[in-house]
């Protein structure tokens, strides 16, 4: 994935993403409590086909789903490993 960043004066930072398959989207992170997800189509490569505005907590929830493994699963795995390592230790 190609990732670039652009500062938009007075607005925030625009993070550009381009997948291996050629899909493009951006995340606009501003000073406010909102983030915008901009999805580009094939009609005009410079004009977003869709804009999804999210509150920060909503963006956090989406980010959690996009992780390879949710944090709770990773913590549970570490707890099981730790229990196996300390089993039988006084």
C-alpha atoms as a PDB file:
ATOM      1  CA  UNK A   1       0.000   0.000   0.000  1.00  0.00           C
ATOM      2  CA  UNK A   2       1.262   3.437  -0.886  1.00  0.00           C
ATOM      3  CA  UNK A   3       0.690   6.092   1.782  1.00  0.00           C
ATOM      4  CA  UNK A   4       1.368   9.815   1.455  1.00  0.00           C
ATOM      5  CA  UNK A   5       0.457  12.756   3.660  1.00  0.00           C
ATOM      6  CA  UNK A   6      -0.568  16.293   2.782  1.00  0.00           C
ATOM      7  CA  UNK A   7      -1.136  19.202   5.133  1.00  0.00           C
ATOM      8  CA  UNK A   8      -4.256  21.180   4.300  1.00  0.00           C
ATOM      9  CA  UNK A   9      -3.794  24.649   5.852  1.00  0.00           C
ATOM     10  CA  UNK A  10      -6.571  25.515   8.271  1.00  0.00           C
ATOM     11  CA  UNK A  11      -8.120  22.049   7.932  1.00  0.00           C
ATOM     12  CA  UNK A  12      -5.718  19.323   9.046  1.00  0.00           C
ATOM     13  CA  UNK A  13      -3.758  16.464   7.517  1.00  0.00           C
ATOM     14  CA  UNK A  14      -4.915  14.377   4.585  1.00  0.00           C
ATOM     15  CA  UNK A  15      -3.551  10.823   4.581  1.00  0.00           C
ATOM     16  CA  UNK A  16      -3.706   9.326   1.061  1.00  0.00           C
ATOM     17  CA  UNK A  17      -3.868   5.527   0.643  1.00  0.00           C
ATOM     18  CA  UNK A  18      -3.597   3.528  -2.569  1.00  0.00           C
ATOM     19  CA  UNK A  19      -4.023  -0.240  -2.389  1.00  0.00           C
ATOM     20  CA  UNK A  20      -2.172  -2.763  -4.526  1.00  0.00           C
ATOM     21  CA  UNK A  21      -5.340  -3.181  -6.580  1.00  0.00           C
ATOM     22  CA  UNK A  22      -5.424   0.563  -7.318  1.00  0.00           C
ATOM     23  CA  UNK A  23      -8.244   1.654  -4.997  1.00  0.00           C
ATOM     24  CA  UNK A  24      -7.768   5.102  -3.502  1.00  0.00           C
ATOM     25  CA  UNK A  25      -9.061   6.625  -0.296  1.00  0.00           C
ATOM     26  CA  UNK A  26      -8.022   9.331   2.157  1.00  0.00           C
ATOM     27  CA  UNK A  27      -8.492  10.052   5.815  1.00  0.00           C
ATOM     28  CA  UNK A  28      -8.780  13.720   6.754  1.00  0.00           C
ATOM     29  CA  UNK A  29      -7.702  14.326  10.337  1.00  0.00           C
ATOM     30  CA  UNK A  30      -8.484  17.822  11.519  1.00  0.00           C
ATOM     31  CA  UNK A  31      -8.377  19.718  14.766  1.00  0.00           C
ATOM     32  CA  UNK A  32     -12.052  19.040  15.503  1.00  0.00           C
ATOM     33  CA  UNK A  33     -13.488  15.869  17.013  1.00  0.00           C
ATOM     34  CA  UNK A  34     -14.334  14.483  13.579  1.00  0.00           C
ATOM     35  CA  UNK A  35     -12.510  12.549  10.901  1.00  0.00           C
ATOM     36  CA  UNK A  36     -13.504  12.161   7.277  1.00  0.00           C
ATOM     37  CA  UNK A  37     -13.013   9.082   5.128  1.00  0.00           C
ATOM     38  CA  UNK A  38     -12.903  10.042   1.445  1.00  0.00           C
ATOM     39  CA  UNK A  39     -13.367   7.270  -1.115  1.00  0.00           C
ATOM     40  CA  UNK A  40     -12.418   7.892  -4.738  1.00  0.00           C
ATOM     41  CA  UNK A  41     -14.088   6.284  -7.729  1.00  0.00           C
ATOM     42  CA  UNK A  42     -12.934   5.896 -11.290  1.00  0.00           C
ATOM     43  CA  UNK A  43     -15.025   8.743 -12.765  1.00  0.00           C
ATOM     44  CA  UNK A  44     -12.753  11.582 -11.584  1.00  0.00           C
ATOM     45  CA  UNK A  45      -9.544  10.645  -9.749  1.00  0.00           C
ATOM     46  CA  UNK A  46      -9.402  14.035  -8.004  1.00  0.00           C
ATOM     47  CA  UNK A  47     -12.970  14.218  -6.697  1.00  0.00           C
ATOM     48  CA  UNK A  48     -14.135  11.894  -3.902  1.00  0.00           C
ATOM     49  CA  UNK A  49     -17.105   9.712  -4.843  1.00  0.00           C
ATOM     50  CA  UNK A  50     -18.079   9.380  -1.177  1.00  0.00           C
ATOM     51  CA  UNK A  51     -17.290  11.188   2.073  1.00  0.00           C
ATOM     52  CA  UNK A  52     -17.968   9.521   5.410  1.00  0.00           C
ATOM     53  CA  UNK A  53     -17.698  11.841   8.426  1.00  0.00           C
ATOM     54  CA  UNK A  54     -17.151  10.130  11.782  1.00  0.00           C
ATOM     55  CA  UNK A  55     -16.798  11.233  15.376  1.00  0.00           C
ATOM     56  CA  UNK A  56     -13.474  10.167  16.937  1.00  0.00           C
ATOM     57  CA  UNK A  57     -15.046   7.300  18.916  1.00  0.00           C
ATOM     58  CA  UNK A  58     -16.674   5.970  15.737  1.00  0.00           C
ATOM     59  CA  UNK A  59     -13.331   6.116  13.922  1.00  0.00           C
ATOM     60  CA  UNK A  60     -11.740   4.208  16.830  1.00  0.00           C
ATOM     61  CA  UNK A  61     -14.355   1.469  16.450  1.00  0.00           C
ATOM     62  CA  UNK A  62     -13.707   1.185  12.709  1.00  0.00           C
ATOM     63  CA  UNK A  63      -9.943   1.093  13.322  1.00  0.00           C
ATOM     64  CA  UNK A  64     -10.460  -1.765  15.789  1.00  0.00           C
ATOM     65  CA  UNK A  65     -12.253  -3.816  13.149  1.00  0.00           C
ATOM     66  CA  UNK A  66      -9.541  -3.127  10.577  1.00  0.00           C
ATOM     67  CA  UNK A  67      -6.786  -4.538  12.771  1.00  0.00           C
ATOM     68  CA  UNK A  68      -5.510  -7.982  11.815  1.00  0.00           C
ATOM     69  CA  UNK A  69      -6.529  -9.202  15.260  1.00  0.00           C
ATOM     70  CA  UNK A  70      -8.541  -7.226  17.784  1.00  0.00           C
ATOM     71  CA  UNK A  71      -6.684  -6.025  20.863  1.00  0.00           C
ATOM     72  CA  UNK A  72      -8.804  -8.195  23.178  1.00  0.00           C
ATOM     73  CA  UNK A  73      -7.776 -11.320  21.228  1.00  0.00           C
ATOM     74  CA  UNK A  74      -4.098 -10.376  21.402  1.00  0.00           C
ATOM     75  CA  UNK A  75      -4.291  -9.732  25.156  1.00  0.00           C
ATOM     76  CA  UNK A  76      -6.062 -13.070  25.732  1.00  0.00           C
ATOM     77  CA  UNK A  77      -3.336 -14.843  23.736  1.00  0.00           C
ATOM     78  CA  UNK A  78      -0.619 -13.193  25.847  1.00  0.00           C
ATOM     79  CA  UNK A  79      -2.442 -14.154  29.053  1.00  0.00           C
ATOM     80  CA  UNK A  80      -2.586 -17.790  27.920  1.00  0.00           C
ATOM     81  CA  UNK A  81       1.118 -17.769  27.037  1.00  0.00           C
ATOM     82  CA  UNK A  82       2.015 -16.219  30.383  1.00  0.00           C
ATOM     83  CA  UNK A  83      -0.082 -18.790  32.245  1.00  0.00           C
ATOM     84  CA  UNK A  84       1.656 -21.613  30.353  1.00  0.00           C
ATOM     85  CA  UNK A  85       5.104 -20.187  31.169  1.00  0.00           C
ATOM     86  CA  UNK A  86       4.369 -19.698  34.863  1.00  0.00           C
ATOM     87  CA  UNK A  87       2.462 -22.945  35.358  1.00  0.00           C
ATOM     88  CA  UNK A  88       3.991 -24.919  38.209  1.00  0.00           C
ATOM     89  CA  UNK A  89       6.145 -21.983  39.337  1.00  0.00           C
ATOM     90  CA  UNK A  90       5.720 -21.092  43.034  1.00  0.00           C
END
